[in-house]
């Protein structure tokens, strides 16, 4: 397994960097996806967990999904006693110095999402209006929008991230902008966008997509091709094409797959590879969903 695949969400204890949760995660986007700027881990959390005098190394969002959890935080000179139920959210901003004691009736599932603030600021500079991605502590938060976005990431991760990196990165960027607008120290005000991408920039992006359709594409490289930040690019791209970058690329891959299926010498595995699908199973599932038949049936009907 590569160095990237074994990366863990970490914290600083007694001056040393170490995994936030000692036990390895049940699932990690670092092992199955190549999302840039975010890492999602699924853990079997212990019934009791105690951590003292630690410094939060990166911006974290915890999602509680199962049995009620009692936790007591000592942070910034204050004590916070919280009773979390399924759907509650906890935000730990980078640099927070704290101690915590957590109790639940039995070990249970907990999800932790990490943001790389530096990459977030680079990708979302227009949406953040040049301000830092500086979240504030939230120990007992209920926010359906955060929950929906994280749940979409959870579903994608549990499905093996077969849709590619772009889908997860777009969800992560949308969540980062939402968090910055509502839970940042200096929340930026969103501004309306006018028009779409200029024709020359749009053509440059479409040419780039066509030339690289057979590999995993990242939102950041499409934004670079347009000369924009990721969030600004995604909104203007949808305004210009009527589709999100992920939806547009998926349709182009289906079109390429249909063309390749006309070659009887090419196997379904080769078709999936050259059309940019994760594997033959991914091709079959997407093809059946959007075309109504499997690739094999489509080929027989030609």
C-alpha atoms as a PDB file:
ATOM      1  CA  UNK A   1       0.000   0.000   0.000  1.00  0.00           C
ATOM      2  CA  UNK A   2       1.315   3.426  -0.864  1.00  0.00           C
ATOM      3  CA  UNK A   3       2.373   6.067   1.621  1.00  0.00           C
ATOM      4  CA  UNK A   4      -0.629   8.156   0.596  1.00  0.00           C
ATOM      5  CA  UNK A   5      -2.998   5.231   1.206  1.00  0.00           C
ATOM      6  CA  UNK A   6      -1.817   4.726   4.809  1.00  0.00           C
ATOM      7  CA  UNK A   7      -2.161   8.360   5.845  1.00  0.00           C
ATOM      8  CA  UNK A   8      -4.150   8.892   9.080  1.00  0.00           C
ATOM      9  CA  UNK A   9      -6.019  11.817  10.629  1.00  0.00           C
ATOM     10  CA  UNK A  10      -3.620  13.025  13.322  1.00  0.00           C
ATOM     11  CA  UNK A  11      -3.359  15.184  16.413  1.00  0.00           C
ATOM     12  CA  UNK A  12      -0.514  16.615  18.512  1.00  0.00           C
ATOM     13  CA  UNK A  13       0.021  15.177  21.995  1.00  0.00           C
ATOM     14  CA  UNK A  14       2.943  16.241  24.182  1.00  0.00           C
ATOM     15  CA  UNK A  15       4.626  17.788  21.169  1.00  0.00           C
ATOM     16  CA  UNK A  16       4.392  14.640  19.022  1.00  0.00           C
ATOM     17  CA  UNK A  17       2.223  13.994  15.995  1.00  0.00           C
ATOM     18  CA  UNK A  18       0.175  10.781  16.333  1.00  0.00           C
ATOM     19  CA  UNK A  19      -3.096   9.270  15.034  1.00  0.00           C
ATOM     20  CA  UNK A  20      -6.162  10.964  16.471  1.00  0.00           C
ATOM     21  CA  UNK A  21      -7.736   7.543  17.129  1.00  0.00           C
ATOM     22  CA  UNK A  22      -5.126   4.879  18.007  1.00  0.00           C
ATOM     23  CA  UNK A  23      -7.058   1.998  16.463  1.00  0.00           C
ATOM     24  CA  UNK A  24      -6.908   1.927  12.617  1.00  0.00           C
ATOM     25  CA  UNK A  25     -10.110   3.108  10.913  1.00  0.00           C
ATOM     26  CA  UNK A  26     -12.647   0.682   9.480  1.00  0.00           C
ATOM     27  CA  UNK A  27     -12.670   2.794   6.302  1.00  0.00           C
ATOM     28  CA  UNK A  28     -10.555   5.702   5.110  1.00  0.00           C
ATOM     29  CA  UNK A  29     -10.713   7.832   1.983  1.00  0.00           C
ATOM     30  CA  UNK A  30      -6.898   7.889   2.096  1.00  0.00           C
ATOM     31  CA  UNK A  31      -6.947   4.181   1.243  1.00  0.00           C
ATOM     32  CA  UNK A  32      -9.671   4.135  -1.418  1.00  0.00           C
ATOM     33  CA  UNK A  33      -9.853   7.634  -2.914  1.00  0.00           C
ATOM     34  CA  UNK A  34      -7.566  10.438  -3.939  1.00  0.00           C
ATOM     35  CA  UNK A  35      -9.624  13.320  -2.579  1.00  0.00           C
ATOM     36  CA  UNK A  36      -7.476  16.439  -2.355  1.00  0.00           C
ATOM     37  CA  UNK A  37      -7.905  18.568   0.764  1.00  0.00           C
ATOM     38  CA  UNK A  38     -10.208  16.241   2.724  1.00  0.00           C
ATOM     39  CA  UNK A  39      -9.894  12.892   4.495  1.00  0.00           C
ATOM     40  CA  UNK A  40     -12.850  10.892   5.815  1.00  0.00           C
ATOM     41  CA  UNK A  41     -12.423   8.069   8.340  1.00  0.00           C
ATOM     42  CA  UNK A  42     -14.977   5.610   9.736  1.00  0.00           C
ATOM     43  CA  UNK A  43     -14.137   4.361  13.226  1.00  0.00           C
ATOM     44  CA  UNK A  44     -15.441   1.910  15.763  1.00  0.00           C
ATOM     45  CA  UNK A  45     -15.194   4.292  18.709  1.00  0.00           C
ATOM     46  CA  UNK A  46     -14.439   2.889  22.164  1.00  0.00           C
ATOM     47  CA  UNK A  47     -17.083   2.986  24.901  1.00  0.00           C
ATOM     48  CA  UNK A  48     -14.726   5.250  26.869  1.00  0.00           C
ATOM     49  CA  UNK A  49     -12.091   7.554  25.447  1.00  0.00           C
ATOM     50  CA  UNK A  50      -9.881  10.035  27.285  1.00  0.00           C
ATOM     51  CA  UNK A  51      -7.375  12.466  25.735  1.00  0.00           C
ATOM     52  CA  UNK A  52      -5.614  15.172  27.723  1.00  0.00           C
ATOM     53  CA  UNK A  53      -3.636  18.248  26.719  1.00  0.00           C
ATOM     54  CA  UNK A  54      -3.735  17.768  22.966  1.00  0.00           C
ATOM     55  CA  UNK A  55      -3.609  20.276  20.123  1.00  0.00           C
ATOM     56  CA  UNK A  56      -5.924  19.800  17.149  1.00  0.00           C
ATOM     57  CA  UNK A  57      -3.656  19.418  14.118  1.00  0.00           C
ATOM     58  CA  UNK A  58      -6.235  20.132  11.381  1.00  0.00           C
ATOM     59  CA  UNK A  59      -9.852  21.220  11.070  1.00  0.00           C
ATOM     60  CA  UNK A  60     -12.095  18.292  12.048  1.00  0.00           C
ATOM     61  CA  UNK A  61     -15.806  17.566  11.802  1.00  0.00           C
ATOM     62  CA  UNK A  62     -17.164  14.652  13.884  1.00  0.00           C
ATOM     63  CA  UNK A  63     -20.517  13.057  13.019  1.00  0.00           C
ATOM     64  CA  UNK A  64     -22.295  10.995  15.693  1.00  0.00           C
ATOM     65  CA  UNK A  65     -24.473   8.251  14.194  1.00  0.00           C
ATOM     66  CA  UNK A  66     -25.425   5.714  16.845  1.00  0.00           C
ATOM     67  CA  UNK A  67     -25.942   5.466  20.590  1.00  0.00           C
ATOM     68  CA  UNK A  68     -26.013   8.636  22.729  1.00  0.00           C
ATOM     69  CA  UNK A  69     -22.589   9.982  23.679  1.00  0.00           C
ATOM     70  CA  UNK A  70     -21.652  11.989  26.764  1.00  0.00           C
ATOM     71  CA  UNK A  71     -18.486  14.027  26.462  1.00  0.00           C
ATOM     72  CA  UNK A  72     -16.832  16.657  28.589  1.00  0.00           C
ATOM     73  CA  UNK A  73     -14.483  19.124  26.952  1.00  0.00           C
ATOM     74  CA  UNK A  74     -12.029  21.463  28.627  1.00  0.00           C
ATOM     75  CA  UNK A  75     -10.993  24.008  26.017  1.00  0.00           C
ATOM     76  CA  UNK A  76     -10.018  27.679  25.978  1.00  0.00           C
ATOM     77  CA  UNK A  77     -10.448  27.898  29.747  1.00  0.00           C
ATOM     78  CA  UNK A  78     -14.026  26.633  29.696  1.00  0.00           C
ATOM     79  CA  UNK A  79     -15.742  23.291  30.364  1.00  0.00           C
ATOM     80  CA  UNK A  80     -18.377  22.039  27.937  1.00  0.00           C
ATOM     81  CA  UNK A  81     -20.584  19.091  28.968  1.00  0.00           C
ATOM     82  CA  UNK A  82     -22.425  17.714  25.963  1.00  0.00           C
ATOM     83  CA  UNK A  83     -24.936  14.896  25.366  1.00  0.00           C
ATOM     84  CA  UNK A  84     -24.810  13.996  21.662  1.00  0.00           C
ATOM     85  CA  UNK A  85     -27.332  11.853  19.820  1.00  0.00           C
ATOM     86  CA  UNK A  86     -27.374  10.489  16.286  1.00  0.00           C
ATOM     87  CA  UNK A  87     -27.033  13.348  13.806  1.00  0.00           C
ATOM     88  CA  UNK A  88     -25.193  15.695  16.144  1.00  0.00           C
ATOM     89  CA  UNK A  89     -22.012  17.347  14.923  1.00  0.00           C
ATOM     90  CA  UNK A  90     -18.800  18.464  16.610  1.00  0.00           C
ATOM     91  CA  UNK A  91     -16.308  20.884  15.014  1.00  0.00           C
ATOM     92  CA  UNK A  92     -12.695  20.971  16.269  1.00  0.00           C
ATOM     93  CA  UNK A  93     -10.763  23.807  14.590  1.00  0.00           C
ATOM     94  CA  UNK A  94      -7.067  23.578  13.897  1.00  0.00           C
ATOM     95  CA  UNK A  95      -4.945  24.797  16.818  1.00  0.00           C
ATOM     96  CA  UNK A  96      -7.537  24.177  19.549  1.00  0.00           C
ATOM     97  CA  UNK A  97      -5.852  23.096  22.806  1.00  0.00           C
ATOM     98  CA  UNK A  98      -8.155  20.798  24.752  1.00  0.00           C
ATOM     99  CA  UNK A  99      -8.791  17.752  26.915  1.00  0.00           C
ATOM    100  CA  UNK A 100     -11.808  15.465  26.507  1.00  0.00           C
ATOM    101  CA  UNK A 101     -13.516  12.509  28.159  1.00  0.00           C
ATOM    102  CA  UNK A 102     -16.057  10.555  26.090  1.00  0.00           C
ATOM    103  CA  UNK A 103     -18.508   7.895  27.332  1.00  0.00           C
ATOM    104  CA  UNK A 104     -21.033   5.734  25.444  1.00  0.00           C
ATOM    105  CA  UNK A 105     -22.864   2.555  26.453  1.00  0.00           C
ATOM    106  CA  UNK A 106     -20.831   0.393  24.071  1.00  0.00           C
ATOM    107  CA  UNK A 107     -18.403   0.782  21.157  1.00  0.00           C
ATOM    108  CA  UNK A 108     -20.133   2.378  18.189  1.00  0.00           C
ATOM    109  CA  UNK A 109     -19.542   3.905  14.759  1.00  0.00           C
ATOM    110  CA  UNK A 110     -18.214   7.436  14.498  1.00  0.00           C
ATOM    111  CA  UNK A 111     -17.184   9.362  11.373  1.00  0.00           C
ATOM    112  CA  UNK A 112     -14.430  11.996  11.319  1.00  0.00           C
ATOM    113  CA  UNK A 113     -13.816  14.386   8.429  1.00  0.00           C
ATOM    114  CA  UNK A 114     -10.562  16.330   8.158  1.00  0.00           C
ATOM    115  CA  UNK A 115      -9.948  19.486   6.112  1.00  0.00           C
ATOM    116  CA  UNK A 116      -6.520  20.629   4.983  1.00  0.00           C
ATOM    117  CA  UNK A 117      -6.979  24.381   5.554  1.00  0.00           C
ATOM    118  CA  UNK A 118      -4.116  25.329   3.222  1.00  0.00           C
ATOM    119  CA  UNK A 119      -5.571  23.418   0.265  1.00  0.00           C
ATOM    120  CA  UNK A 120      -9.082  24.630   1.069  1.00  0.00           C
ATOM    121  CA  UNK A 121      -7.914  28.261   1.022  1.00  0.00           C
ATOM    122  CA  UNK A 122      -6.061  27.732  -2.253  1.00  0.00           C
ATOM    123  CA  UNK A 123      -9.007  26.064  -3.993  1.00  0.00           C
ATOM    124  CA  UNK A 124     -11.739  28.315  -2.626  1.00  0.00           C
ATOM    125  CA  UNK A 125     -10.031  31.705  -2.626  1.00  0.00           C
ATOM    126  CA  UNK A 126     -12.883  33.487  -4.427  1.00  0.00           C
ATOM    127  CA  UNK A 127     -15.572  31.936  -2.224  1.00  0.00           C
ATOM    128  CA  UNK A 128     -13.578  32.836   0.907  1.00  0.00           C
ATOM    129  CA  UNK A 129     -12.755  36.310  -0.470  1.00  0.00           C
ATOM    130  CA  UNK A 130      -9.102  35.900   0.488  1.00  0.00           C
ATOM    131  CA  UNK A 131      -9.854  35.133   4.132  1.00  0.00           C
ATOM    132  CA  UNK A 132      -8.463  32.213   6.099  1.00  0.00           C
ATOM    133  CA  UNK A 133     -10.456  29.016   6.591  1.00  0.00           C
ATOM    134  CA  UNK A 134     -10.617  29.552  10.355  1.00  0.00           C
ATOM    135  CA  UNK A 135     -13.462  27.623  11.992  1.00  0.00           C
ATOM    136  CA  UNK A 136     -14.718  28.168  15.537  1.00  0.00           C
ATOM    137  CA  UNK A 137     -15.309  25.344  18.068  1.00  0.00           C
ATOM    138  CA  UNK A 138     -18.806  23.838  17.989  1.00  0.00           C
ATOM    139  CA  UNK A 139     -19.320  21.178  20.651  1.00  0.00           C
ATOM    140  CA  UNK A 140     -23.065  20.536  20.276  1.00  0.00           C
ATOM    141  CA  UNK A 141     -24.194  21.365  16.758  1.00  0.00           C
ATOM    142  CA  UNK A 142     -27.265  20.313  14.799  1.00  0.00           C
ATOM    143  CA  UNK A 143     -27.099  21.312  11.135  1.00  0.00           C
ATOM    144  CA  UNK A 144     -29.014  19.269   8.524  1.00  0.00           C
ATOM    145  CA  UNK A 145     -26.992  20.692   5.631  1.00  0.00           C
ATOM    146  CA  UNK A 146     -23.662  19.559   7.085  1.00  0.00           C
ATOM    147  CA  UNK A 147     -25.210  16.188   7.834  1.00  0.00           C
ATOM    148  CA  UNK A 148     -26.490  15.717   4.269  1.00  0.00           C
ATOM    149  CA  UNK A 149     -23.148  16.593   2.684  1.00  0.00           C
ATOM    150  CA  UNK A 150     -21.150  14.343   5.007  1.00  0.00           C
ATOM    151  CA  UNK A 151     -23.634  11.501   4.511  1.00  0.00           C
ATOM    152  CA  UNK A 152     -23.134  11.792   0.739  1.00  0.00           C
ATOM    153  CA  UNK A 153     -19.386  11.454   1.303  1.00  0.00           C
ATOM    154  CA  UNK A 154     -20.004   8.460   3.573  1.00  0.00           C
ATOM    155  CA  UNK A 155     -22.098   6.711   0.930  1.00  0.00           C
ATOM    156  CA  UNK A 156     -19.435   7.342  -1.718  1.00  0.00           C
ATOM    157  CA  UNK A 157     -16.664   6.025   0.534  1.00  0.00           C
ATOM    158  CA  UNK A 158     -18.614   2.902   1.507  1.00  0.00           C
ATOM    159  CA  UNK A 159     -19.250   2.253  -2.197  1.00  0.00           C
ATOM    160  CA  UNK A 160     -15.486   2.290  -2.801  1.00  0.00           C
ATOM    161  CA  UNK A 161     -15.395   5.806  -4.315  1.00  0.00           C
ATOM    162  CA  UNK A 162     -16.066   4.220  -7.709  1.00  0.00           C
ATOM    163  CA  UNK A 163     -17.312   7.554  -9.093  1.00  0.00           C
ATOM    164  CA  UNK A 164     -13.752   8.925  -8.955  1.00  0.00           C
ATOM    165  CA  UNK A 165     -12.142  11.769  -7.049  1.00  0.00           C
ATOM    166  CA  UNK A 166     -14.130  14.612  -8.576  1.00  0.00           C
ATOM    167  CA  UNK A 167     -17.437  13.789  -6.862  1.00  0.00           C
ATOM    168  CA  UNK A 168     -15.921  13.648  -3.370  1.00  0.00           C
ATOM    169  CA  UNK A 169     -13.883  16.796  -3.897  1.00  0.00           C
ATOM    170  CA  UNK A 170     -16.921  18.765  -5.050  1.00  0.00           C
ATOM    171  CA  UNK A 171     -18.875  17.651  -1.978  1.00  0.00           C
ATOM    172  CA  UNK A 172     -15.901  18.559   0.222  1.00  0.00           C
ATOM    173  CA  UNK A 173     -15.604  21.999  -1.347  1.00  0.00           C
ATOM    174  CA  UNK A 174     -19.332  22.634  -0.950  1.00  0.00           C
ATOM    175  CA  UNK A 175     -19.101  21.658   2.714  1.00  0.00           C
ATOM    176  CA  UNK A 176     -15.999  23.826   3.261  1.00  0.00           C
ATOM    177  CA  UNK A 177     -17.745  26.896   1.816  1.00  0.00           C
ATOM    178  CA  UNK A 178     -20.830  26.227   3.937  1.00  0.00           C
ATOM    179  CA  UNK A 179     -18.733  25.859   7.097  1.00  0.00           C
ATOM    180  CA  UNK A 180     -16.767  29.014   6.310  1.00  0.00           C
ATOM    181  CA  UNK A 181     -19.946  31.002   5.743  1.00  0.00           C
ATOM    182  CA  UNK A 182     -21.567  29.904   9.018  1.00  0.00           C
ATOM    183  CA  UNK A 183     -18.940  28.726  11.483  1.00  0.00           C
ATOM    184  CA  UNK A 184     -15.767  30.669  10.687  1.00  0.00           C
ATOM    185  CA  UNK A 185     -14.228  33.352  12.884  1.00  0.00           C
ATOM    186  CA  UNK A 186     -14.774  35.891  10.075  1.00  0.00           C
ATOM    187  CA  UNK A 187     -17.534  34.388   7.960  1.00  0.00           C
ATOM    188  CA  UNK A 188     -17.324  35.616   4.340  1.00  0.00           C
ATOM    189  CA  UNK A 189     -20.473  36.811   2.612  1.00  0.00           C
ATOM    190  CA  UNK A 190     -21.370  34.985  -0.555  1.00  0.00           C
ATOM    191  CA  UNK A 191     -21.688  37.051  -3.716  1.00  0.00           C
ATOM    192  CA  UNK A 192     -23.921  36.301  -6.699  1.00  0.00           C
ATOM    193  CA  UNK A 193     -22.206  35.084  -9.846  1.00  0.00           C
ATOM    194  CA  UNK A 194     -23.006  36.652 -13.174  1.00  0.00           C
ATOM    195  CA  UNK A 195     -22.863  34.693 -16.424  1.00  0.00           C
ATOM    196  CA  UNK A 196     -20.824  31.560 -17.056  1.00  0.00           C
ATOM    197  CA  UNK A 197     -17.338  30.718 -18.247  1.00  0.00           C
ATOM    198  CA  UNK A 198     -16.016  32.759 -21.172  1.00  0.00           C
ATOM    199  CA  UNK A 199     -16.150  30.632 -24.343  1.00  0.00           C
ATOM    200  CA  UNK A 200     -12.365  30.391 -24.648  1.00  0.00           C
ATOM    201  CA  UNK A 201     -11.949  29.150 -21.074  1.00  0.00           C
ATOM    202  CA  UNK A 202     -14.856  26.730 -21.407  1.00  0.00           C
ATOM    203  CA  UNK A 203     -13.394  25.256 -24.610  1.00  0.00           C
ATOM    204  CA  UNK A 204     -10.024  24.875 -22.895  1.00  0.00           C
ATOM    205  CA  UNK A 205     -11.656  22.906 -20.070  1.00  0.00           C
ATOM    206  CA  UNK A 206     -13.742  20.751 -22.420  1.00  0.00           C
ATOM    207  CA  UNK A 207     -10.657  19.929 -24.505  1.00  0.00           C
ATOM    208  CA  UNK A 208      -8.783  19.005 -21.321  1.00  0.00           C
ATOM    209  CA  UNK A 209     -11.613  16.708 -20.214  1.00  0.00           C
ATOM    210  CA  UNK A 210     -11.743  15.013 -23.615  1.00  0.00           C
ATOM    211  CA  UNK A 211      -7.964  14.461 -23.669  1.00  0.00           C
ATOM    212  CA  UNK A 212      -7.905  12.977 -20.149  1.00  0.00           C
ATOM    213  CA  UNK A 213     -11.223  11.134 -20.010  1.00  0.00           C
ATOM    214  CA  UNK A 214      -9.523   7.762 -19.494  1.00  0.00           C
ATOM    215  CA  UNK A 215      -8.140   8.677 -16.058  1.00  0.00           C
ATOM    216  CA  UNK A 216      -9.373   9.985 -12.718  1.00  0.00           C
ATOM    217  CA  UNK A 217      -9.893  13.745 -12.936  1.00  0.00           C
ATOM    218  CA  UNK A 218      -9.664  16.189 -10.035  1.00  0.00           C
ATOM    219  CA  UNK A 219     -11.652  19.370  -9.604  1.00  0.00           C
ATOM    220  CA  UNK A 220      -8.455  21.339  -8.995  1.00  0.00           C
ATOM    221  CA  UNK A 221      -6.918  20.462 -12.377  1.00  0.00           C
ATOM    222  CA  UNK A 222     -10.098  21.437 -14.231  1.00  0.00           C
ATOM    223  CA  UNK A 223     -10.139  24.721 -12.323  1.00  0.00           C
ATOM    224  CA  UNK A 224      -6.467  25.248 -13.214  1.00  0.00           C
ATOM    225  CA  UNK A 225      -7.294  24.731 -16.886  1.00  0.00           C
ATOM    226  CA  UNK A 226      -9.889  27.501 -16.561  1.00  0.00           C
ATOM    227  CA  UNK A 227      -7.598  29.716 -14.482  1.00  0.00           C
ATOM    228  CA  UNK A 228     -10.059  29.857 -11.554  1.00  0.00           C
ATOM    229  CA  UNK A 229     -10.442  28.568  -8.022  1.00  0.00           C
ATOM    230  CA  UNK A 230     -12.294  25.264  -7.671  1.00  0.00           C
ATOM    231  CA  UNK A 231     -15.506  26.632  -6.167  1.00  0.00           C
ATOM    232  CA  UNK A 232     -15.755  29.542  -8.606  1.00  0.00           C
ATOM    233  CA  UNK A 233     -15.055  27.226 -11.534  1.00  0.00           C
ATOM    234  CA  UNK A 234     -17.674  24.635 -10.515  1.00  0.00           C
ATOM    235  CA  UNK A 235     -20.438  27.241 -10.311  1.00  0.00           C
ATOM    236  CA  UNK A 236     -19.541  28.898 -13.625  1.00  0.00           C
ATOM    237  CA  UNK A 237     -19.129  25.530 -15.350  1.00  0.00           C
ATOM    238  CA  UNK A 238     -22.639  24.483 -14.342  1.00  0.00           C
ATOM    239  CA  UNK A 239     -23.983  27.836 -15.442  1.00  0.00           C
ATOM    240  CA  UNK A 240     -22.322  27.377 -18.858  1.00  0.00           C
ATOM    241  CA  UNK A 241     -23.156  23.701 -19.473  1.00  0.00           C
ATOM    242  CA  UNK A 242     -26.211  23.042 -17.313  1.00  0.00           C
ATOM    243  CA  UNK A 243     -24.328  20.218 -15.555  1.00  0.00           C
ATOM    244  CA  UNK A 244     -21.871  19.962 -12.709  1.00  0.00           C
ATOM    245  CA  UNK A 245     -18.326  18.923 -13.741  1.00  0.00           C
ATOM    246  CA  UNK A 246     -18.961  15.452 -12.312  1.00  0.00           C
ATOM    247  CA  UNK A 247     -22.233  15.022 -14.244  1.00  0.00           C
ATOM    248  CA  UNK A 248     -20.707  16.353 -17.457  1.00  0.00           C
ATOM    249  CA  UNK A 249     -17.714  14.009 -17.262  1.00  0.00           C
ATOM    250  CA  UNK A 250     -19.947  11.035 -16.495  1.00  0.00           C
ATOM    251  CA  UNK A 251     -22.015  11.710 -19.617  1.00  0.00           C
ATOM    252  CA  UNK A 252     -18.882  12.087 -21.748  1.00  0.00           C
ATOM    253  CA  UNK A 253     -17.615   8.752 -20.417  1.00  0.00           C
ATOM    254  CA  UNK A 254     -20.887   7.085 -21.333  1.00  0.00           C
ATOM    255  CA  UNK A 255     -20.648   8.508 -24.843  1.00  0.00           C
ATOM    256  CA  UNK A 256     -17.094   7.227 -25.203  1.00  0.00           C
ATOM    257  CA  UNK A 257     -18.127   3.811 -23.886  1.00  0.00           C
ATOM    258  CA  UNK A 258     -20.883   3.614 -26.510  1.00  0.00           C
ATOM    259  CA  UNK A 259     -18.348   4.400 -29.243  1.00  0.00           C
ATOM    260  CA  UNK A 260     -15.892   1.801 -27.958  1.00  0.00           C
ATOM    261  CA  UNK A 261     -18.599  -0.869 -27.675  1.00  0.00           C
ATOM    262  CA  UNK A 262     -18.944  -0.711 -31.453  1.00  0.00           C
ATOM    263  CA  UNK A 263     -15.515  -2.380 -31.671  1.00  0.00           C
ATOM    264  CA  UNK A 264     -16.173  -6.120 -31.192  1.00  0.00           C
ATOM    265  CA  UNK A 265     -12.470  -6.758 -30.578  1.00  0.00           C
ATOM    266  CA  UNK A 266     -12.465  -4.670 -27.400  1.00  0.00           C
ATOM    267  CA  UNK A 267     -13.427  -6.419 -24.158  1.00  0.00           C
ATOM    268  CA  UNK A 268     -15.782  -4.812 -21.640  1.00  0.00           C
ATOM    269  CA  UNK A 269     -12.852  -4.456 -19.251  1.00  0.00           C
ATOM    270  CA  UNK A 270     -10.906  -2.538 -21.893  1.00  0.00           C
ATOM    271  CA  UNK A 271     -13.944  -0.373 -22.652  1.00  0.00           C
ATOM    272  CA  UNK A 272     -14.288   0.555 -18.987  1.00  0.00           C
ATOM    273  CA  UNK A 273     -10.584   1.399 -18.747  1.00  0.00           C
ATOM    274  CA  UNK A 274     -10.469   3.578 -21.883  1.00  0.00           C
ATOM    275  CA  UNK A 275     -13.700   5.363 -20.957  1.00  0.00           C
ATOM    276  CA  UNK A 276     -12.393   6.259 -17.499  1.00  0.00           C
ATOM    277  CA  UNK A 277     -14.581   4.019 -15.340  1.00  0.00           C
ATOM    278  CA  UNK A 278     -13.108   2.484 -12.200  1.00  0.00           C
ATOM    279  CA  UNK A 279     -13.701  -1.069 -13.463  1.00  0.00           C
ATOM    280  CA  UNK A 280     -16.108  -3.179 -15.513  1.00  0.00           C
ATOM    281  CA  UNK A 281     -18.614  -3.345 -12.644  1.00  0.00           C
ATOM    282  CA  UNK A 282     -18.677   0.454 -12.383  1.00  0.00           C
ATOM    283  CA  UNK A 283     -19.230   0.725 -16.143  1.00  0.00           C
ATOM    284  CA  UNK A 284     -22.081  -1.791 -16.005  1.00  0.00           C
ATOM    285  CA  UNK A 285     -23.842  -0.104 -13.089  1.00  0.00           C
ATOM    286  CA  UNK A 286     -23.623   3.416 -14.572  1.00  0.00           C
ATOM    287  CA  UNK A 287     -24.520   2.221 -18.068  1.00  0.00           C
ATOM    288  CA  UNK A 288     -27.614   0.363 -16.837  1.00  0.00           C
ATOM    289  CA  UNK A 289     -28.689   3.377 -14.783  1.00  0.00           C
ATOM    290  CA  UNK A 290     -28.450   5.955 -17.576  1.00  0.00           C
ATOM    291  CA  UNK A 291     -28.902   3.899 -20.766  1.00  0.00           C
ATOM    292  CA  UNK A 292     -31.360   1.321 -19.449  1.00  0.00           C
ATOM    293  CA  UNK A 293     -29.426  -1.789 -20.514  1.00  0.00           C
ATOM    294  CA  UNK A 294     -26.059  -3.321 -19.692  1.00  0.00           C
ATOM    295  CA  UNK A 295     -23.039  -2.674 -21.982  1.00  0.00           C
ATOM    296  CA  UNK A 296     -23.178  -6.292 -23.167  1.00  0.00           C
ATOM    297  CA  UNK A 297     -26.845  -5.945 -24.162  1.00  0.00           C
ATOM    298  CA  UNK A 298     -26.167  -2.610 -25.828  1.00  0.00           C
ATOM    299  CA  UNK A 299     -23.400  -4.242 -27.898  1.00  0.00           C
ATOM    300  CA  UNK A 300     -25.683  -7.094 -28.984  1.00  0.00           C
ATOM    301  CA  UNK A 301     -28.312  -4.589 -30.132  1.00  0.00           C
ATOM    302  CA  UNK A 302     -25.912  -2.691 -32.394  1.00  0.00           C
END
